Amino acid sequence: MNQAAIDAVFRPKLNKQEAKADEITRNVRAIMNAEAAKRDTKTERLRAARLARDAQMPVAPMKKMRATVRRVK
């Protein structure tokens, strides 16, 4: 038999406080997931804009670094 059907039939009933807490938890998780998705899309948009801006900027030649001599004591 399907496990979801078994769980639906034999699930204990939540009391009033548990039901309210469960509803609040679901709502908070939905809000947090929506904010995370919104933040991720903004991050991707800003990353794409930064990469496009960096691609248009001319690349300056690297300066040659002076060789340093380490002295052993």
N, C-alpha and C. Protein backbone atom coordinates (compact mmCIF):
# COMPACT_ATOMS: atom_id res chain seq x y z
N MET A 1 0.84 -1.18 0.00
CA MET A 1 0.00 0.00 0.00
C MET A 1 0.89 1.25 0.00
N ASN A 2 0.37 2.32 -0.49
CA ASN A 2 1.09 3.58 -0.60
C ASN A 2 1.36 4.16 0.80
N GLN A 3 2.61 4.55 1.05
CA GLN A 3 2.99 5.07 2.37
C GLN A 3 2.28 6.39 2.68
N ALA A 4 2.06 7.21 1.68
CA ALA A 4 1.37 8.49 1.89
C ALA A 4 -0.07 8.25 2.34
N ALA A 5 -0.72 7.25 1.77
CA ALA A 5 -2.10 6.94 2.16
C ALA A 5 -2.14 6.43 3.59
N ILE A 6 -1.17 5.60 3.95
CA ILE A 6 -1.11 5.07 5.32
C ILE A 6 -0.88 6.20 6.31
N ASP A 7 0.04 7.11 5.97
CA ASP A 7 0.32 8.24 6.86
C ASP A 7 -0.90 9.15 7.02
N ALA A 8 -1.66 9.34 5.94
CA ALA A 8 -2.83 10.21 6.00
C ALA A 8 -3.91 9.61 6.89
N VAL A 9 -4.06 8.30 6.86
CA VAL A 9 -5.11 7.66 7.65
C VAL A 9 -4.72 7.58 9.13
N PHE A 10 -3.48 7.23 9.41
CA PHE A 10 -3.07 6.98 10.78
C PHE A 10 -2.32 8.15 11.43
N ARG A 11 -2.33 9.30 10.82
CA ARG A 11 -1.66 10.45 11.38
C ARG A 11 -2.45 10.95 12.60
N PRO A 12 -1.76 11.21 13.70
CA PRO A 12 -2.49 11.73 14.86
C PRO A 12 -2.98 13.15 14.61
N LYS A 13 -4.12 13.47 15.15
CA LYS A 13 -4.69 14.81 14.99
C LYS A 13 -3.90 15.79 15.83
N LEU A 14 -3.62 16.95 15.26
CA LEU A 14 -2.92 17.99 15.98
C LEU A 14 -3.90 18.77 16.85
N ASN A 15 -3.43 19.15 18.05
CA ASN A 15 -4.31 19.98 18.86
C ASN A 15 -4.26 21.41 18.33
N LYS A 16 -5.01 22.30 18.92
CA LYS A 16 -5.16 23.66 18.41
C LYS A 16 -3.82 24.40 18.38
N GLN A 17 -3.03 24.26 19.44
CA GLN A 17 -1.74 24.96 19.51
C GLN A 17 -0.76 24.41 18.47
N GLU A 18 -0.73 23.09 18.33
CA GLU A 18 0.18 22.49 17.36
C GLU A 18 -0.21 22.87 15.93
N ALA A 19 -1.51 22.91 15.66
CA ALA A 19 -1.98 23.26 14.33
C ALA A 19 -1.60 24.71 13.99
N LYS A 20 -1.75 25.60 14.97
CA LYS A 20 -1.40 27.00 14.75
C LYS A 20 0.12 27.14 14.55
N ALA A 21 0.90 26.44 15.37
CA ALA A 21 2.35 26.49 15.24
C ALA A 21 2.79 25.93 13.88
N ASP A 22 2.14 24.86 13.44
CA ASP A 22 2.47 24.27 12.15
C ASP A 22 2.14 25.24 11.01
N GLU A 23 1.04 25.92 11.11
CA GLU A 23 0.65 26.89 10.09
C GLU A 23 1.65 28.05 10.04
N ILE A 24 2.04 28.54 11.20
CA ILE A 24 3.01 29.64 11.27
C ILE A 24 4.34 29.20 10.69
N THR A 25 4.76 27.99 11.02
CA THR A 25 6.03 27.48 10.50
C THR A 25 6.00 27.38 8.98
N ARG A 26 4.90 26.88 8.43
CA ARG A 26 4.78 26.78 6.97
C ARG A 26 4.82 28.17 6.33
N ASN A 27 4.14 29.14 6.94
CA ASN A 27 4.12 30.50 6.38
C ASN A 27 5.50 31.14 6.44
N VAL A 28 6.19 30.96 7.56
CA VAL A 28 7.52 31.54 7.70
C VAL A 28 8.48 30.92 6.70
N ARG A 29 8.41 29.60 6.53
CA ARG A 29 9.29 28.94 5.57
C ARG A 29 9.00 29.40 4.15
N ALA A 30 7.74 29.63 3.83
CA ALA A 30 7.37 30.11 2.50
C ALA A 30 7.95 31.51 2.27
N ILE A 31 7.85 32.37 3.27
CA ILE A 31 8.40 33.73 3.16
C ILE A 31 9.91 33.67 3.01
N MET A 32 10.57 32.85 3.82
CA MET A 32 12.03 32.75 3.76
C MET A 32 12.49 32.19 2.41
N ASN A 33 11.78 31.20 1.89
CA ASN A 33 12.13 30.64 0.58
C ASN A 33 11.94 31.67 -0.53
N ALA A 34 10.87 32.48 -0.43
CA ALA A 34 10.64 33.52 -1.43
C ALA A 34 11.74 34.57 -1.38
N GLU A 35 12.15 34.96 -0.17
CA GLU A 35 13.23 35.94 -0.03
C GLU A 35 14.55 35.38 -0.55
N ALA A 36 14.82 34.12 -0.30
CA ALA A 36 16.05 33.50 -0.78
C ALA A 36 16.06 33.44 -2.30
N ALA A 37 14.94 33.10 -2.90
CA ALA A 37 14.85 33.06 -4.36
C ALA A 37 15.05 34.45 -4.95
N LYS A 38 14.45 35.44 -4.32
CA LYS A 38 14.59 36.82 -4.77
C LYS A 38 16.05 37.28 -4.66
N ARG A 39 16.69 36.92 -3.57
CA ARG A 39 18.10 37.28 -3.36
C ARG A 39 18.99 36.58 -4.39
N ASP A 40 18.70 35.33 -4.69
CA ASP A 40 19.51 34.59 -5.66
C ASP A 40 19.38 35.18 -7.06
N THR A 41 18.17 35.57 -7.44
CA THR A 41 17.99 36.17 -8.77
C THR A 41 18.70 37.51 -8.85
N LYS A 42 18.66 38.28 -7.77
CA LYS A 42 19.36 39.56 -7.76
C LYS A 42 20.87 39.35 -7.85
N THR A 43 21.38 38.35 -7.12
CA THR A 43 22.81 38.05 -7.16
C THR A 43 23.23 37.66 -8.57
N GLU A 44 22.45 36.81 -9.22
CA GLU A 44 22.78 36.39 -10.58
C GLU A 44 22.76 37.58 -11.54
N ARG A 45 21.78 38.46 -11.38
CA ARG A 45 21.68 39.64 -12.24
C ARG A 45 22.89 40.55 -12.05
N LEU A 46 23.26 40.79 -10.79
CA LEU A 46 24.41 41.65 -10.51
C LEU A 46 25.71 41.01 -10.98
N ARG A 47 25.84 39.69 -10.83
CA ARG A 47 27.04 39.00 -11.29
C ARG A 47 27.18 39.12 -12.81
N ALA A 48 26.07 38.95 -13.53
CA ALA A 48 26.10 39.07 -14.98
C ALA A 48 26.47 40.49 -15.40
N ALA A 49 25.94 41.48 -14.69
CA ALA A 49 26.26 42.88 -15.01
C ALA A 49 27.74 43.16 -14.73
N ARG A 50 28.27 42.63 -13.64
CA ARG A 50 29.68 42.84 -13.30
C ARG A 50 30.59 42.18 -14.34
N LEU A 51 30.25 40.97 -14.74
CA LEU A 51 31.06 40.27 -15.73
C LEU A 51 31.02 41.00 -17.08
N ALA A 52 29.86 41.54 -17.44
CA ALA A 52 29.75 42.29 -18.69
C ALA A 52 30.58 43.56 -18.62
N ARG A 53 30.55 44.23 -17.47
CA ARG A 53 31.33 45.45 -17.29
C ARG A 53 32.83 45.13 -17.34
N ASP A 54 33.23 44.06 -16.69
CA ASP A 54 34.64 43.69 -16.67
C ASP A 54 35.13 43.27 -18.05
N ALA A 55 34.26 42.68 -18.86
CA ALA A 55 34.64 42.27 -20.20
C ALA A 55 34.88 43.47 -21.10
N GLN A 56 34.23 44.59 -20.83
CA GLN A 56 34.39 45.79 -21.65
C GLN A 56 35.61 46.61 -21.25
N MET A 57 36.08 46.46 -20.04
CA MET A 57 37.22 47.23 -19.56
C MET A 57 38.51 46.69 -20.18
N PRO A 58 39.42 47.60 -20.58
CA PRO A 58 40.69 47.12 -21.13
C PRO A 58 41.53 46.49 -20.03
N VAL A 59 42.28 45.49 -20.42
CA VAL A 59 43.12 44.79 -19.45
C VAL A 59 44.49 45.45 -19.45
N ALA A 60 44.91 45.92 -18.28
CA ALA A 60 46.22 46.55 -18.15
C ALA A 60 47.28 45.46 -18.08
N PRO A 61 48.44 45.68 -18.71
CA PRO A 61 49.49 44.66 -18.62
C PRO A 61 50.01 44.55 -17.19
N MET A 62 50.36 43.35 -16.81
CA MET A 62 50.86 43.12 -15.46
C MET A 62 52.26 43.68 -15.34
N LYS A 63 52.56 44.29 -14.21
CA LYS A 63 53.91 44.77 -13.95
C LYS A 63 54.77 43.58 -13.56
N LYS A 64 56.01 43.63 -14.02
CA LYS A 64 56.91 42.55 -13.64
C LYS A 64 57.36 42.80 -12.20
N MET A 65 57.31 41.76 -11.43
CA MET A 65 57.70 41.88 -10.05
C MET A 65 59.21 41.69 -9.94
N ARG A 66 59.77 42.46 -9.08
CA ARG A 66 61.20 42.36 -8.84
C ARG A 66 61.49 41.10 -8.05
N ALA A 67 62.52 40.40 -8.43
CA ALA A 67 62.88 39.20 -7.71
C ALA A 67 63.49 39.59 -6.37
N THR A 68 63.07 38.93 -5.34
CA THR A 68 63.61 39.19 -4.02
C THR A 68 64.56 38.08 -3.65
N VAL A 69 65.61 38.45 -2.97
CA VAL A 69 66.60 37.47 -2.56
C VAL A 69 66.38 37.18 -1.08
N ARG A 70 66.26 35.93 -0.77
CA ARG A 70 66.11 35.54 0.65
C ARG A 70 67.48 35.25 1.22
N ARG A 71 67.72 35.80 2.34
CA ARG A 71 68.99 35.56 2.99
C ARG A 71 68.79 34.54 4.10
N VAL A 72 69.67 33.61 4.13
CA VAL A 72 69.62 32.56 5.17
C VAL A 72 70.55 32.96 6.28
N LYS A 73 70.05 32.94 7.47
CA LYS A 73 70.89 33.31 8.61
C LYS A 73 71.58 32.12 9.17
